[in-house]
Structure formats: structure tokens, C-alpha cells
Amino acid sequence: MRVYRLDNADARQWQAFVARCPSATLFHDLRWSRAVERAFHHRPAHLVARDRDRVLGVLPLFEV
């Protein structure tokens, strides 16, 4: 498993993971992240856990 910062290339897989994860909330969705970034100017520092091509987890974080 590898953990790294989200980049634009992984956005689609992030959203797919969130859509199929039963414990995901609105706050995991990248649309929420974009709204926070625009409204408050907080920089996203989201993390993705991945094993090869499979996303195992996501962690939405912001630098404030």
C-alpha cells in the first residue's frame, strides 16, 4: 500500500471510491472540497491510500 497526496489524475478514482463507500459523507466528496477552497481559500492536502490500481482509502485534509 502507498499513501500520497491527491493529484488531478486521481480525482475520478477518488470520486468512485467515495460513491461506493458506505461510510463516506458529503465531506469526502471533491465537490465539497472545491467549495471550501473557493469560499475560504484553504489549500487541499488530500491523501489517497492505494494498492496498485485500487484505491483503499481517502482522507480529505486542508491546510489552514
PDB file of N, CA and C in Angstrom:
ATOM      1  N   MET A   1       0.848  -1.172   0.000  1.00  0.00           N
ATOM      2  CA  MET A   1       0.000   0.000   0.000  1.00  0.00           C
ATOM      3  C   MET A   1       0.897   1.240   0.000  1.00  0.00           C
ATOM      4  N   ARG A   2       0.433   2.246  -0.711  1.00  0.00           N
ATOM      5  CA  ARG A   2       1.141   3.522  -0.803  1.00  0.00           C
ATOM      6  C   ARG A   2       0.161   4.650  -0.476  1.00  0.00           C
ATOM      7  N   VAL A   3       0.610   5.636   0.281  1.00  0.00           N
ATOM      8  CA  VAL A   3      -0.223   6.801   0.616  1.00  0.00           C
ATOM      9  C   VAL A   3       0.466   8.034   0.035  1.00  0.00           C
ATOM     10  N   TYR A   4      -0.297   8.853  -0.672  1.00  0.00           N
ATOM     11  CA  TYR A   4       0.273  10.052  -1.279  1.00  0.00           C
ATOM     12  C   TYR A   4      -0.801  11.114  -1.429  1.00  0.00           C
ATOM     13  N   ARG A   5      -0.367  12.334  -1.754  1.00  0.00           N
ATOM     14  CA  ARG A   5      -1.312  13.442  -1.955  1.00  0.00           C
ATOM     15  C   ARG A   5      -2.080  13.253  -3.245  1.00  0.00           C
ATOM     16  N   LEU A   6      -3.332  13.608  -3.192  1.00  0.00           N
ATOM     17  CA  LEU A   6      -4.203  13.529  -4.363  1.00  0.00           C
ATOM     18  C   LEU A   6      -3.720  14.495  -5.436  1.00  0.00           C
ATOM     19  N   ASP A   7      -3.720  14.025  -6.682  1.00  0.00           N
ATOM     20  CA  ASP A   7      -3.487  14.927  -7.806  1.00  0.00           C
ATOM     21  C   ASP A   7      -4.672  14.796  -8.769  1.00  0.00           C
ATOM     22  N   ASN A   8      -4.744  15.666  -9.738  1.00  0.00           N
ATOM     23  CA  ASN A   8      -5.894  15.690 -10.651  1.00  0.00           C
ATOM     24  C   ASN A   8      -6.111  14.371 -11.369  1.00  0.00           C
ATOM     25  N   ALA A   9      -5.058  13.627 -11.617  1.00  0.00           N
ATOM     26  CA  ALA A   9      -5.182  12.344 -12.321  1.00  0.00           C
ATOM     27  C   ALA A   9      -5.970  11.320 -11.506  1.00  0.00           C
ATOM     28  N   ASP A  10      -5.998  11.480 -10.185  1.00  0.00           N
ATOM     29  CA  ASP A  10      -6.697  10.523  -9.314  1.00  0.00           C
ATOM     30  C   ASP A  10      -8.101  10.959  -8.919  1.00  0.00           C
ATOM     31  N   ALA A  11      -8.538  12.115  -9.360  1.00  0.00           N
ATOM     32  CA  ALA A  11      -9.827  12.658  -8.931  1.00  0.00           C
ATOM     33  C   ALA A  11     -10.990  11.730  -9.272  1.00  0.00           C
ATOM     34  N   ARG A  12     -10.985  11.166 -10.451  1.00  0.00           N
ATOM     35  CA  ARG A  12     -12.084  10.278 -10.860  1.00  0.00           C
ATOM     36  C   ARG A  12     -12.142   9.034  -9.979  1.00  0.00           C
ATOM     37  N   GLN A  13     -10.980   8.451  -9.667  1.00  0.00           N
ATOM     38  CA  GLN A  13     -10.955   7.269  -8.803  1.00  0.00           C
ATOM     39  C   GLN A  13     -11.340   7.620  -7.369  1.00  0.00           C
ATOM     40  N   TRP A  14     -10.956   8.808  -6.922  1.00  0.00           N
ATOM     41  CA  TRP A  14     -11.368   9.278  -5.587  1.00  0.00           C
ATOM     42  C   TRP A  14     -12.892   9.308  -5.524  1.00  0.00           C
ATOM     43  N   GLN A  15     -13.512   9.961  -6.509  1.00  0.00           N
ATOM     44  CA  GLN A  15     -14.974  10.097  -6.529  1.00  0.00           C
ATOM     45  C   GLN A  15     -15.657   8.729  -6.610  1.00  0.00           C
ATOM     46  N   ALA A  16     -15.106   7.815  -7.383  1.00  0.00           N
ATOM     47  CA  ALA A  16     -15.679   6.469  -7.496  1.00  0.00           C
ATOM     48  C   ALA A  16     -15.595   5.740  -6.155  1.00  0.00           C
ATOM     49  N   PHE A  17     -14.478   5.876  -5.464  1.00  0.00           N
ATOM     50  CA  PHE A  17     -14.329   5.254  -4.152  1.00  0.00           C
ATOM     51  C   PHE A  17     -15.361   5.809  -3.180  1.00  0.00           C
ATOM     52  N   VAL A  18     -15.507   7.128  -3.151  1.00  0.00           N
ATOM     53  CA  VAL A  18     -16.464   7.777  -2.257  1.00  0.00           C
ATOM     54  C   VAL A  18     -17.891   7.319  -2.575  1.00  0.00           C
ATOM     55  N   ALA A  19     -18.220   7.182  -3.849  1.00  0.00           N
ATOM     56  CA  ALA A  19     -19.569   6.771  -4.255  1.00  0.00           C
ATOM     57  C   ALA A  19     -19.906   5.360  -3.787  1.00  0.00           C
ATOM     58  N   ARG A  20     -18.927   4.476  -3.721  1.00  0.00           N
ATOM     59  CA  ARG A  20     -19.221   3.089  -3.347  1.00  0.00           C
ATOM     60  C   ARG A  20     -18.935   2.775  -1.883  1.00  0.00           C
ATOM     61  N   CYS A  21     -18.373   3.738  -1.141  1.00  0.00           N
ATOM     62  CA  CYS A  21     -18.034   3.510   0.261  1.00  0.00           C
ATOM     63  C   CYS A  21     -19.234   3.865   1.144  1.00  0.00           C
ATOM     64  N   PRO A  22     -19.779   2.910   1.891  1.00  0.00           N
ATOM     65  CA  PRO A  22     -20.977   3.177   2.680  1.00  0.00           C
ATOM     66  C   PRO A  22     -20.754   4.169   3.834  1.00  0.00           C
ATOM     67  N   SER A  23     -19.528   4.335   4.276  1.00  0.00           N
ATOM     68  CA  SER A  23     -19.285   5.263   5.385  1.00  0.00           C
ATOM     69  C   SER A  23     -18.812   6.641   4.921  1.00  0.00           C
ATOM     70  N   ALA A  24     -18.732   6.856   3.624  1.00  0.00           N
ATOM     71  CA  ALA A  24     -18.338   8.169   3.098  1.00  0.00           C
ATOM     72  C   ALA A  24     -19.452   9.182   3.327  1.00  0.00           C
ATOM     73  N   THR A  25     -19.059  10.429   3.503  1.00  0.00           N
ATOM     74  CA  THR A  25     -20.025  11.504   3.735  1.00  0.00           C
ATOM     75  C   THR A  25     -19.832  12.594   2.681  1.00  0.00           C
ATOM     76  N   LEU A  26     -20.649  13.592   2.751  1.00  0.00           N
ATOM     77  CA  LEU A  26     -20.544  14.759   1.878  1.00  0.00           C
ATOM     78  C   LEU A  26     -19.134  15.345   1.926  1.00  0.00           C
ATOM     79  N   PHE A  27     -18.493  15.283   3.079  1.00  0.00           N
ATOM     80  CA  PHE A  27     -17.195  15.912   3.277  1.00  0.00           C
ATOM     81  C   PHE A  27     -16.054  15.170   2.591  1.00  0.00           C
ATOM     82  N   HIS A  28     -16.303  13.959   2.107  1.00  0.00           N
ATOM     83  CA  HIS A  28     -15.313  13.216   1.321  1.00  0.00           C
ATOM     84  C   HIS A  28     -15.388  13.561  -0.161  1.00  0.00           C
ATOM     85  N   ASP A  29     -16.477  14.130  -0.586  1.00  0.00           N
ATOM     86  CA  ASP A  29     -16.710  14.446  -1.997  1.00  0.00           C
ATOM     87  C   ASP A  29     -15.833  15.626  -2.430  1.00  0.00           C
ATOM     88  N   LEU A  30     -15.214  15.513  -3.590  1.00  0.00           N
ATOM     89  CA  LEU A  30     -14.338  16.580  -4.075  1.00  0.00           C
ATOM     90  C   LEU A  30     -15.104  17.852  -4.432  1.00  0.00           C
ATOM     91  N   ARG A  31     -16.383  17.738  -4.676  1.00  0.00           N
ATOM     92  CA  ARG A  31     -17.168  18.958  -4.924  1.00  0.00           C
ATOM     93  C   ARG A  31     -17.222  19.806  -3.665  1.00  0.00           C
ATOM     94  N   TRP A  32     -17.320  19.178  -2.512  1.00  0.00           N
ATOM     95  CA  TRP A  32     -17.282  19.899  -1.239  1.00  0.00           C
ATOM     96  C   TRP A  32     -15.903  20.540  -1.057  1.00  0.00           C
ATOM     97  N   SER A  33     -14.877  19.796  -1.379  1.00  0.00           N
ATOM     98  CA  SER A  33     -13.516  20.303  -1.272  1.00  0.00           C
ATOM     99  C   SER A  33     -13.319  21.562  -2.107  1.00  0.00           C
ATOM    100  N   ARG A  34     -13.816  21.543  -3.322  1.00  0.00           N
ATOM    101  CA  ARG A  34     -13.693  22.711  -4.195  1.00  0.00           C
ATOM    102  C   ARG A  34     -14.447  23.912  -3.619  1.00  0.00           C
ATOM    103  N   ALA A  35     -15.604  23.663  -3.034  1.00  0.00           N
ATOM    104  CA  ALA A  35     -16.386  24.744  -2.420  1.00  0.00           C
ATOM    105  C   ALA A  35     -15.631  25.361  -1.241  1.00  0.00           C
ATOM    106  N   VAL A  36     -15.018  24.528  -0.407  1.00  0.00           N
ATOM    107  CA  VAL A  36     -14.240  25.018   0.728  1.00  0.00           C
ATOM    108  C   VAL A  36     -13.044  25.821   0.232  1.00  0.00           C
ATOM    109  N   GLU A  37     -12.388  25.307  -0.789  1.00  0.00           N
ATOM    110  CA  GLU A  37     -11.218  26.005  -1.333  1.00  0.00           C
ATOM    111  C   GLU A  37     -11.601  27.380  -1.870  1.00  0.00           C
ATOM    112  N   ARG A  38     -12.709  27.461  -2.602  1.00  0.00           N
ATOM    113  CA  ARG A  38     -13.148  28.740  -3.167  1.00  0.00           C
ATOM    114  C   ARG A  38     -13.632  29.717  -2.093  1.00  0.00           C
ATOM    115  N   ALA A  39     -14.400  29.210  -1.143  1.00  0.00           N
ATOM    116  CA  ALA A  39     -15.014  30.086  -0.140  1.00  0.00           C
ATOM    117  C   ALA A  39     -14.016  30.573   0.915  1.00  0.00           C
ATOM    118  N   PHE A  40     -13.133  29.675   1.358  1.00  0.00           N
ATOM    119  CA  PHE A  40     -12.257  30.010   2.485  1.00  0.00           C
ATOM    120  C   PHE A  40     -10.775  30.100   2.109  1.00  0.00           C
ATOM    121  N   HIS A  41     -10.454  29.757   0.874  1.00  0.00           N
ATOM    122  CA  HIS A  41      -9.069  29.792   0.376  1.00  0.00           C
ATOM    123  C   HIS A  41      -8.144  28.846   1.140  1.00  0.00           C
ATOM    124  N   HIS A  42      -8.716  27.757   1.697  1.00  0.00           N
ATOM    125  CA  HIS A  42      -7.898  26.725   2.330  1.00  0.00           C
ATOM    126  C   HIS A  42      -7.354  25.819   1.229  1.00  0.00           C
ATOM    127  N   ARG A  43      -6.083  25.481   1.331  1.00  0.00           N
ATOM    128  CA  ARG A  43      -5.472  24.630   0.310  1.00  0.00           C
ATOM    129  C   ARG A  43      -5.701  23.162   0.647  1.00  0.00           C
ATOM    130  N   PRO A  44      -6.240  22.378  -0.303  1.00  0.00           N
ATOM    131  CA  PRO A  44      -6.431  20.956  -0.042  1.00  0.00           C
ATOM    132  C   PRO A  44      -5.088  20.227   0.034  1.00  0.00           C
ATOM    133  N   ALA A  45      -5.019  19.266   0.941  1.00  0.00           N
ATOM    134  CA  ALA A  45      -3.849  18.399   1.089  1.00  0.00           C
ATOM    135  C   ALA A  45      -4.358  16.970   1.261  1.00  0.00           C
ATOM    136  N   HIS A  46      -5.264  16.568   0.378  1.00  0.00           N
ATOM    137  CA  HIS A  46      -5.949  15.280   0.491  1.00  0.00           C
ATOM    138  C   HIS A  46      -4.995  14.116   0.262  1.00  0.00           C
ATOM    139  N   LEU A  47      -5.219  13.039   1.005  1.00  0.00           N
ATOM    140  CA  LEU A  47      -4.390  11.843   0.884  1.00  0.00           C
ATOM    141  C   LEU A  47      -5.199  10.690   0.321  1.00  0.00           C
ATOM    142  N   VAL A  48      -4.512   9.866  -0.479  1.00  0.00           N
ATOM    143  CA  VAL A  48      -5.106   8.671  -1.084  1.00  0.00           C
ATOM    144  C   VAL A  48      -4.254   7.474  -0.683  1.00  0.00           C
ATOM    145  N   ALA A  49      -4.898   6.404  -0.222  1.00  0.00           N
ATOM    146  CA  ALA A  49      -4.207   5.136   0.032  1.00  0.00           C
ATOM    147  C   ALA A  49      -4.542   4.218  -1.132  1.00  0.00           C
ATOM    148  N   ARG A  50      -3.504   3.649  -1.728  1.00  0.00           N
ATOM    149  CA  ARG A  50      -3.699   2.863  -2.947  1.00  0.00           C
ATOM    150  C   ARG A  50      -2.808   1.623  -2.914  1.00  0.00           C
ATOM    151  N   ASP A  51      -3.347   0.546  -3.439  1.00  0.00           N
ATOM    152  CA  ASP A  51      -2.580  -0.669  -3.679  1.00  0.00           C
ATOM    153  C   ASP A  51      -2.663  -0.945  -5.170  1.00  0.00           C
ATOM    154  N   ARG A  52      -1.586  -0.675  -5.859  1.00  0.00           N
ATOM    155  CA  ARG A  52      -1.531  -0.740  -7.322  1.00  0.00           C
ATOM    156  C   ARG A  52      -2.589   0.172  -7.919  1.00  0.00           C
ATOM    157  N   ASP A  53      -3.566  -0.371  -8.618  1.00  0.00           N
ATOM    158  CA  ASP A  53      -4.586   0.466  -9.259  1.00  0.00           C
ATOM    159  C   ASP A  53      -5.848   0.619  -8.423  1.00  0.00           C
ATOM    160  N   ARG A  54      -5.855   0.088  -7.219  1.00  0.00           N
ATOM    161  CA  ARG A  54      -7.063   0.094  -6.390  1.00  0.00           C
ATOM    162  C   ARG A  54      -6.948   1.105  -5.254  1.00  0.00           C
ATOM    163  N   VAL A  55      -7.913   2.009  -5.150  1.00  0.00           N
ATOM    164  CA  VAL A  55      -7.964   2.957  -4.038  1.00  0.00           C
ATOM    165  C   VAL A  55      -8.532   2.229  -2.826  1.00  0.00           C
ATOM    166  N   LEU A  56      -7.786   2.288  -1.724  1.00  0.00           N
ATOM    167  CA  LEU A  56      -8.195   1.615  -0.491  1.00  0.00           C
ATOM    168  C   LEU A  56      -8.790   2.572   0.532  1.00  0.00           C
ATOM    169  N   GLY A  57      -8.479   3.854   0.390  1.00  0.00           N
ATOM    170  CA  GLY A  57      -8.999   4.836   1.331  1.00  0.00           C
ATOM    171  C   GLY A  57      -8.656   6.250   0.893  1.00  0.00           C
ATOM    172  N   VAL A  58      -9.410   7.209   1.423  1.00  0.00           N
ATOM    173  CA  VAL A  58      -9.187   8.615   1.123  1.00  0.00           C
ATOM    174  C   VAL A  58      -9.276   9.399   2.426  1.00  0.00           C
ATOM    175  N   LEU A  59      -8.513  10.491   2.499  1.00  0.00           N
ATOM    176  CA  LEU A  59      -8.540  11.358   3.671  1.00  0.00           C
ATOM    177  C   LEU A  59      -8.514  12.813   3.200  1.00  0.00           C
ATOM    178  N   PRO A  60      -9.669  13.479   3.264  1.00  0.00           N
ATOM    179  CA  PRO A  60      -9.697  14.883   2.859  1.00  0.00           C
ATOM    180  C   PRO A  60      -9.114  15.765   3.968  1.00  0.00           C
ATOM    181  N   LEU A  61      -8.058  16.502   3.627  1.00  0.00           N
ATOM    182  CA  LEU A  61      -7.407  17.399   4.580  1.00  0.00           C
ATOM    183  C   LEU A  61      -7.247  18.774   3.923  1.00  0.00           C
ATOM    184  N   PHE A  62      -7.193  19.798   4.756  1.00  0.00           N
ATOM    185  CA  PHE A  62      -6.950  21.156   4.273  1.00  0.00           C
ATOM    186  C   PHE A  62      -5.856  21.803   5.087  1.00  0.00           C
ATOM    187  N   GLU A  63      -5.027  22.578   4.413  1.00  0.00           N
ATOM    188  CA  GLU A  63      -4.048  23.408   5.093  1.00  0.00           C
ATOM    189  C   GLU A  63      -4.730  24.743   5.404  1.00  0.00           C
ATOM    190  N   VAL A  64      -4.781  25.079   6.679  1.00  0.00           N
ATOM    191  CA  VAL A  64      -5.464  26.298   7.111  1.00  0.00           C
ATOM    192  C   VAL A  64      -4.443  27.290   7.628  1.00  0.00           C
TER     193      VAL A  64
END
